[in-house]
Amino acid sequence: MSSVVVVTGCCPPDGEMLMTHGGRKGTLGGMTVSPTVRRRRLAAELRRLRAALDLTQQQAAAHLGCTQAKIGRFETAKRTPSVGDVSALLDFYGVGDAEREQLLNLTRDARKRGWWHSYSDVLPEWYETYVGLEAEASSIHTYESEAIPGLLQTHEYAYAITKATLIRADEAEIARRVELRIQRQQRVIGEKPLELWAVLGEAALRRRVGGPGVLRRQLEHVLKLVAMANVTVQVMPLDAGAHPAQVGPFVILRYSDHADPDVVYLETHVGGLYLEREIELSNYVTMMDHLRAHAIDPETSLQVIDERIGEL
C-alpha cells in the first residue's frame, strides 16, 4: 500500500462536534463515528481479503466489471465503494455470512456523511480527510512552532489567524472557517474527549496574533484547558537549541481500535500529507518523545505561560 497521500489545497482552518445521521448522533460511547475512519478500515479489509487469496486487482476488477484503477481507489480509501460493489467483491472472495454482514455494515457507515459535510463550501477535500480522521482519534500528539493549535484556540484568536492566513477570503468564508474550527474543539471538551498533548514553540506565546489583548485571552484560555485531565501542554523555549521538529509542525493521530492504524499529518503550503508506514510513524513518535523530553515540563510550562500573560 502507498503510505503517503498528498491532497492539494490551501492552508487549513482548525475546531469539532458530533455528526448526525438523519437527526441521530453517530457516536460510539460519545465519540464521533467517522465515515473517514470507516472508509480507511474498509480499504484495509478489502486489501487483506484479496491478498489472502493471492488475487490481483485486475482479477477483482474483472469480476466487478470495472477498471483496476477503481479497485485501487477502493483499497486506498480514495473512493468509497457502494454496498453492491462490496457485496460482489465479498462473493468473489468467498467471505462467510458473519464477516460479510460486518463488512457491509462497515460500508454503510463509510458512506454516511460526517457533520463536517455541512462545511463543504469552505472545507477543501484534502482537509476534510484530516477532520474526519480527527473525529474518531483517541489521542492527538502535536508540535506547533508558531501558533496555538486549533483545538486550543479562542474564537477571536482563530479569527485573527484565519484572516491573516487566507488573505483573499471574504468575511463570510472566514467566519465559516472559524465556526468549523470551534466545532472541532468538542473532541477536547465534549463527551468522551480525546487526549491532547501539545508541545508549543515559545514563538507561539510571543507572536501577537490579533494584538496583545487577543493573545492574552488566548493564553488564559490555554491555562483553563490544561486544567482538564485530557490536555497537556509543554513549551519549547527559544534557547533550547536545535531539535528534530524544526522542519515544521506535525500531528500524530492514534486510535483505540487496532483495526484503525495511527497516522501522521503534515501541513504543507499546497495541502495535506498523510504518513502511514510503520517506519514513518516510528520516526515521528520518536521525534515527539524527543520534544517532550527537551521541552519545559508541563507544570513549569504553565508558569511560563502565566508569566507571558503578565507581560501582555
Protein backbone atom coordinates (compact mmCIF):
# COMPACT_ATOMS: atom_id res chain seq x y z
CA MET A 1 0.00 0.00 0.00
CA SER A 2 1.17 3.51 -0.72
CA SER A 3 1.90 5.18 2.58
CA VAL A 4 1.84 8.80 1.57
CA VAL A 5 -1.23 10.66 0.35
CA VAL A 6 -0.91 14.24 -0.84
CA VAL A 7 -4.07 16.23 -1.46
CA THR A 8 -3.77 19.71 -2.83
CA GLY A 9 -5.44 22.78 -1.42
CA CYS A 10 -4.58 25.82 0.67
CA CYS A 11 -3.85 26.30 4.34
CA PRO A 12 -6.46 24.75 6.67
CA PRO A 13 -8.73 26.03 9.35
CA ASP A 14 -8.98 24.41 12.80
CA GLY A 15 -12.11 23.06 15.74
CA GLU A 16 -15.38 19.77 16.26
CA MET A 17 -18.80 18.34 17.16
CA LEU A 18 -20.73 15.13 16.79
CA MET A 19 -22.05 14.22 13.36
CA THR A 20 -25.67 13.34 12.79
CA HIS A 21 -27.33 10.74 10.61
CA GLY A 22 -30.91 11.61 9.91
CA GLY A 23 -31.11 13.58 13.14
CA ARG A 24 -29.40 10.83 15.15
CA LYS A 25 -25.96 11.43 16.56
CA GLY A 26 -23.48 8.97 15.10
CA THR A 27 -21.42 8.12 18.15
CA LEU A 28 -19.51 5.32 19.79
CA GLY A 29 -19.88 5.85 23.53
CA GLY A 30 -19.98 9.61 22.99
CA MET A 31 -17.22 9.60 20.36
CA THR A 32 -17.96 10.59 16.78
CA VAL A 33 -18.34 7.71 14.35
CA SER A 34 -16.26 8.95 11.44
CA PRO A 35 -17.03 7.78 7.89
CA THR A 36 -13.44 8.73 7.02
CA VAL A 37 -12.06 6.25 9.55
CA ARG A 38 -14.60 3.64 8.46
CA ARG A 39 -13.59 4.08 4.81
CA ARG A 40 -9.94 3.65 5.78
CA ARG A 41 -10.74 0.48 7.72
CA LEU A 42 -12.85 -0.90 4.86
CA ALA A 43 -10.00 -0.26 2.42
CA ALA A 44 -7.61 -2.26 4.60
CA GLU A 45 -10.09 -5.16 4.85
CA LEU A 46 -10.61 -5.29 1.09
CA ARG A 47 -6.84 -5.34 0.55
CA ARG A 48 -6.43 -8.09 3.16
CA LEU A 49 -9.13 -10.31 1.69
CA ARG A 50 -7.78 -10.05 -1.85
CA ALA A 51 -4.17 -10.61 -0.81
CA ALA A 52 -5.11 -13.65 1.31
CA LEU A 53 -6.37 -15.35 -1.85
CA ASP A 54 -3.35 -14.20 -3.89
CA LEU A 55 -5.65 -12.40 -6.30
CA THR A 56 -4.67 -9.33 -8.28
CA GLN A 57 -6.54 -6.07 -8.55
CA GLN A 58 -7.05 -6.90 -12.22
CA GLN A 59 -8.87 -10.13 -11.30
CA ALA A 60 -11.06 -8.31 -8.77
CA ALA A 61 -11.82 -5.65 -11.37
CA ALA A 62 -12.74 -8.27 -13.95
CA HIS A 63 -15.21 -9.85 -11.52
CA LEU A 64 -16.75 -6.48 -10.73
CA GLY A 65 -16.74 -5.38 -14.37
CA CYS A 66 -14.76 -2.22 -13.67
CA THR A 67 -11.24 -0.88 -14.08
CA GLN A 68 -8.24 -1.83 -11.95
CA ALA A 69 -7.96 1.85 -11.03
CA LYS A 70 -11.38 1.69 -9.38
CA ILE A 71 -10.33 -1.28 -7.23
CA GLY A 72 -7.15 0.61 -6.38
CA ARG A 73 -9.16 3.61 -5.21
CA PHE A 74 -11.31 1.34 -3.04
CA GLU A 75 -8.21 -0.20 -1.47
CA THR A 76 -6.51 3.12 -0.74
CA ALA A 77 -9.64 4.78 0.69
CA LYS A 78 -9.67 7.35 -2.09
CA ARG A 79 -13.18 6.27 -3.06
CA THR A 80 -15.98 4.75 -1.02
CA PRO A 81 -17.44 1.65 -2.71
CA SER A 82 -21.17 1.07 -2.88
CA VAL A 83 -22.77 -1.68 -0.80
CA GLY A 84 -23.40 -3.51 -4.07
CA ASP A 85 -19.75 -3.36 -5.12
CA VAL A 86 -18.57 -4.61 -1.73
CA SER A 87 -21.17 -7.39 -1.76
CA ALA A 88 -19.94 -8.54 -5.19
CA LEU A 89 -16.31 -8.47 -4.03
CA LEU A 90 -17.19 -10.47 -0.90
CA ASP A 91 -18.86 -13.08 -3.11
CA PHE A 92 -15.68 -13.27 -5.16
CA TYR A 93 -13.54 -13.60 -2.03
CA GLY A 94 -15.81 -16.26 -0.52
CA VAL A 95 -16.48 -14.35 2.69
CA GLY A 96 -18.77 -16.08 5.20
CA ASP A 97 -22.07 -14.67 6.48
CA ALA A 98 -20.89 -13.26 9.82
CA GLU A 99 -17.87 -11.41 8.43
CA ARG A 100 -19.87 -10.41 5.39
CA GLU A 101 -22.51 -8.64 7.47
CA GLN A 102 -19.82 -6.83 9.47
CA LEU A 103 -18.16 -5.59 6.30
CA LEU A 104 -21.44 -4.50 4.73
CA ASN A 105 -22.28 -2.55 7.89
CA LEU A 106 -18.81 -1.03 7.74
CA THR A 107 -19.52 0.00 4.15
CA ARG A 108 -22.80 1.64 5.17
CA ASP A 109 -21.00 3.61 7.88
CA ALA A 110 -18.27 4.62 5.43
CA ARG A 111 -20.89 6.03 3.06
CA LYS A 112 -22.56 8.27 5.64
CA ARG A 113 -21.81 11.96 5.82
CA GLY A 114 -19.87 13.39 8.73
CA TRP A 115 -21.13 16.51 10.50
CA TRP A 116 -18.37 18.45 8.74
CA HIS A 117 -20.06 17.89 5.36
CA SER A 118 -22.19 20.95 6.11
CA TYR A 119 -18.98 22.98 5.82
CA SER A 120 -18.11 21.66 2.37
CA ASP A 121 -18.43 25.18 0.97
CA VAL A 122 -15.26 26.21 2.83
CA LEU A 123 -13.66 22.83 3.57
CA PRO A 124 -11.11 21.69 0.96
CA GLU A 125 -11.31 17.99 0.16
CA TRP A 126 -7.73 17.43 1.34
CA TYR A 127 -8.50 18.93 4.76
CA GLU A 128 -11.84 17.15 5.03
CA THR A 129 -9.78 13.96 5.34
CA TYR A 130 -8.00 15.38 8.38
CA VAL A 131 -11.21 16.48 10.09
CA GLY A 132 -12.64 13.01 9.51
CA LEU A 133 -9.55 11.32 10.96
CA GLU A 134 -9.58 13.63 13.95
CA ALA A 135 -13.26 12.88 14.59
CA GLU A 136 -12.58 9.39 15.94
CA ALA A 137 -9.00 9.68 17.19
CA SER A 138 -8.45 8.60 20.78
CA SER A 139 -5.37 10.80 21.15
CA ILE A 140 -3.52 13.55 19.35
CA HIS A 141 0.11 14.46 19.98
CA THR A 142 1.19 17.57 18.17
CA TYR A 143 4.03 20.05 17.79
CA GLU A 144 3.27 23.62 16.73
CA SER A 145 6.04 26.17 16.44
CA GLU A 146 4.37 29.45 15.50
CA ALA A 147 0.76 29.36 16.70
CA ILE A 148 -1.55 27.90 19.31
CA PRO A 149 -3.02 24.61 17.94
CA GLY A 150 -6.53 24.92 16.54
CA LEU A 151 -8.09 22.65 19.14
CA LEU A 152 -6.98 25.12 21.84
CA GLN A 153 -7.83 28.38 20.10
CA THR A 154 -10.33 31.01 21.20
CA HIS A 155 -12.81 32.34 18.68
CA GLU A 156 -11.07 35.71 18.35
CA TYR A 157 -7.60 34.17 18.03
CA ALA A 158 -8.93 31.73 15.41
CA TYR A 159 -10.49 34.63 13.51
CA ALA A 160 -7.28 36.67 13.57
CA ILE A 161 -5.07 33.84 12.40
CA THR A 162 -7.53 32.67 9.74
CA LYS A 163 -7.88 36.18 8.32
CA ALA A 164 -4.11 36.61 8.23
CA THR A 165 -3.65 33.24 6.51
CA LEU A 166 -6.47 33.44 3.97
CA ILE A 167 -5.71 36.90 2.61
CA ARG A 168 -8.15 36.54 -0.32
CA ALA A 169 -11.08 35.18 1.67
CA ASP A 170 -14.11 37.36 2.35
CA GLU A 171 -15.67 37.80 5.78
CA ALA A 172 -18.30 35.11 5.19
CA GLU A 173 -15.70 32.46 4.38
CA ILE A 174 -13.51 33.46 7.32
CA ALA A 175 -16.49 33.24 9.67
CA ARG A 176 -17.41 29.77 8.37
CA ARG A 177 -13.86 28.51 8.78
CA VAL A 178 -13.66 29.82 12.32
CA GLU A 179 -17.02 28.20 13.12
CA LEU A 180 -15.70 24.87 11.84
CA ARG A 181 -12.59 25.22 13.98
CA ILE A 182 -14.63 25.89 17.10
CA GLN A 183 -16.95 22.97 16.32
CA ARG A 184 -13.98 20.59 16.16
CA GLN A 185 -12.99 21.54 19.70
CA GLN A 186 -15.78 19.32 21.05
CA ARG A 187 -13.26 16.49 20.65
CA VAL A 188 -11.31 18.10 23.50
CA ILE A 189 -14.03 19.49 25.76
CA GLY A 190 -17.03 17.29 24.89
CA GLU A 191 -18.20 13.86 25.95
CA LYS A 192 -15.51 11.13 25.79
CA PRO A 193 -12.78 13.62 24.82
CA LEU A 194 -9.55 12.64 23.15
CA GLU A 195 -6.19 13.00 24.87
CA LEU A 196 -4.35 16.05 23.58
CA TRP A 197 -0.63 16.56 24.21
CA ALA A 198 0.79 19.67 22.59
CA VAL A 199 4.34 20.97 22.52
CA LEU A 200 4.36 24.67 21.64
CA GLY A 201 7.31 26.65 20.38
CA GLU A 202 7.92 29.73 22.56
CA ALA A 203 7.28 31.85 19.46
CA ALA A 204 3.62 30.82 19.67
CA LEU A 205 3.43 32.54 23.06
CA ARG A 206 5.06 35.71 21.77
CA ARG A 207 3.50 36.24 18.34
CA ARG A 208 0.78 38.82 18.98
CA VAL A 209 -1.92 37.30 16.80
CA GLY A 210 -4.82 39.77 16.85
CA GLY A 211 -2.94 42.09 19.20
CA PRO A 212 -1.86 41.80 22.86
CA GLY A 213 -5.41 41.56 24.23
CA VAL A 214 -6.36 38.69 21.94
CA LEU A 215 -3.13 36.86 22.74
CA ARG A 216 -3.55 37.39 26.48
CA ARG A 217 -7.08 35.96 26.45
CA GLN A 218 -5.85 33.09 24.28
CA LEU A 219 -3.14 32.16 26.74
CA GLU A 220 -5.61 32.42 29.62
CA HIS A 221 -7.83 30.01 27.70
CA VAL A 222 -4.93 27.57 27.32
CA LEU A 223 -4.42 27.59 31.09
CA LYS A 224 -8.11 26.77 31.62
CA LEU A 225 -7.96 23.85 29.20
CA VAL A 226 -4.78 22.45 30.70
CA ALA A 227 -6.69 22.10 33.97
CA MET A 228 -8.60 19.29 32.23
CA ALA A 229 -7.16 15.81 32.73
CA ASN A 230 -7.02 15.08 28.99
CA VAL A 231 -4.97 18.15 27.98
CA THR A 232 -1.21 18.56 28.43
CA VAL A 233 0.84 21.48 27.13
CA GLN A 234 4.62 21.95 27.14
CA VAL A 235 6.65 24.91 25.94
CA MET A 236 9.79 24.51 23.86
CA PRO A 237 11.92 27.57 24.73
CA LEU A 238 13.75 29.50 22.06
CA ASP A 239 17.06 28.92 23.82
CA ALA A 240 16.63 25.13 23.76
CA GLY A 241 18.75 24.91 20.63
CA ALA A 242 18.20 22.79 17.54
CA HIS A 243 15.69 19.95 17.64
CA PRO A 244 14.37 17.42 15.06
CA ALA A 245 10.97 19.12 14.60
CA GLN A 246 12.44 22.31 13.18
CA VAL A 247 11.34 21.05 9.78
CA GLY A 248 7.79 22.02 10.77
CA PRO A 249 4.63 21.22 12.74
CA PHE A 250 3.08 17.76 12.76
CA VAL A 251 0.16 15.86 14.26
CA ILE A 252 0.13 12.20 15.34
CA LEU A 253 -3.38 10.74 15.43
CA ARG A 254 -3.93 7.50 17.32
CA TYR A 255 -6.96 5.22 17.61
CA SER A 256 -8.23 2.94 20.35
CA ASP A 257 -9.29 0.25 17.86
CA HIS A 258 -6.31 -1.67 16.50
CA ALA A 259 -8.18 -2.02 13.21
CA ASP A 260 -7.51 1.67 12.65
CA PRO A 261 -3.78 2.33 12.21
CA ASP A 262 -2.21 5.52 13.51
CA VAL A 263 -1.43 8.29 11.06
CA VAL A 264 0.84 11.34 10.94
CA TYR A 265 -0.49 14.53 9.39
CA LEU A 266 1.84 17.17 7.97
CA GLU A 267 0.61 20.51 6.71
CA THR A 268 2.16 22.00 3.58
CA HIS A 269 1.57 25.16 1.59
CA VAL A 270 -0.35 23.21 -1.05
CA GLY A 271 -2.33 20.72 1.02
CA GLY A 272 -2.04 17.89 3.49
CA LEU A 273 0.39 14.99 3.69
CA TYR A 274 -0.64 11.77 5.48
CA LEU A 275 2.01 9.22 6.54
CA GLU A 276 1.01 5.67 7.49
CA ARG A 277 4.02 3.35 7.11
CA GLU A 278 5.44 1.96 10.34
CA ILE A 279 8.88 3.48 9.80
CA GLU A 280 7.33 6.92 9.23
CA LEU A 281 5.11 6.63 12.30
CA SER A 282 8.05 5.42 14.38
CA ASN A 283 10.18 8.38 13.29
CA TYR A 284 7.53 10.89 14.35
CA VAL A 285 6.77 9.11 17.62
CA THR A 286 10.49 9.26 18.42
CA MET A 287 10.53 12.92 17.43
CA MET A 288 7.60 13.66 19.73
CA ASP A 289 9.30 11.81 22.59
CA HIS A 290 12.42 13.91 22.00
CA LEU A 291 10.39 17.12 22.07
CA ARG A 292 8.62 16.19 25.29
CA ALA A 293 11.92 15.28 26.91
CA HIS A 294 13.63 18.54 25.96
CA ALA A 295 10.74 20.97 26.35
CA ILE A 296 9.92 22.58 29.68
CA ASP A 297 7.99 20.16 31.86
CA PRO A 298 4.17 20.59 31.92
CA GLU A 299 3.99 22.20 35.36
CA THR A 300 6.75 24.72 34.67
CA SER A 301 5.27 25.39 31.23
CA LEU A 302 2.13 26.67 32.95
CA GLN A 303 4.27 29.10 34.90
CA VAL A 304 5.95 30.26 31.67
CA ILE A 305 2.54 30.86 30.06
CA ASP A 306 1.31 32.69 33.16
CA GLU A 307 4.40 34.91 33.12
CA ARG A 308 3.80 35.69 29.45
CA ILE A 309 0.22 36.68 30.28
CA GLY A 310 1.59 39.10 32.87
CA GLU A 311 3.72 40.75 30.18
CA LEU A 312 0.74 41.49 27.93
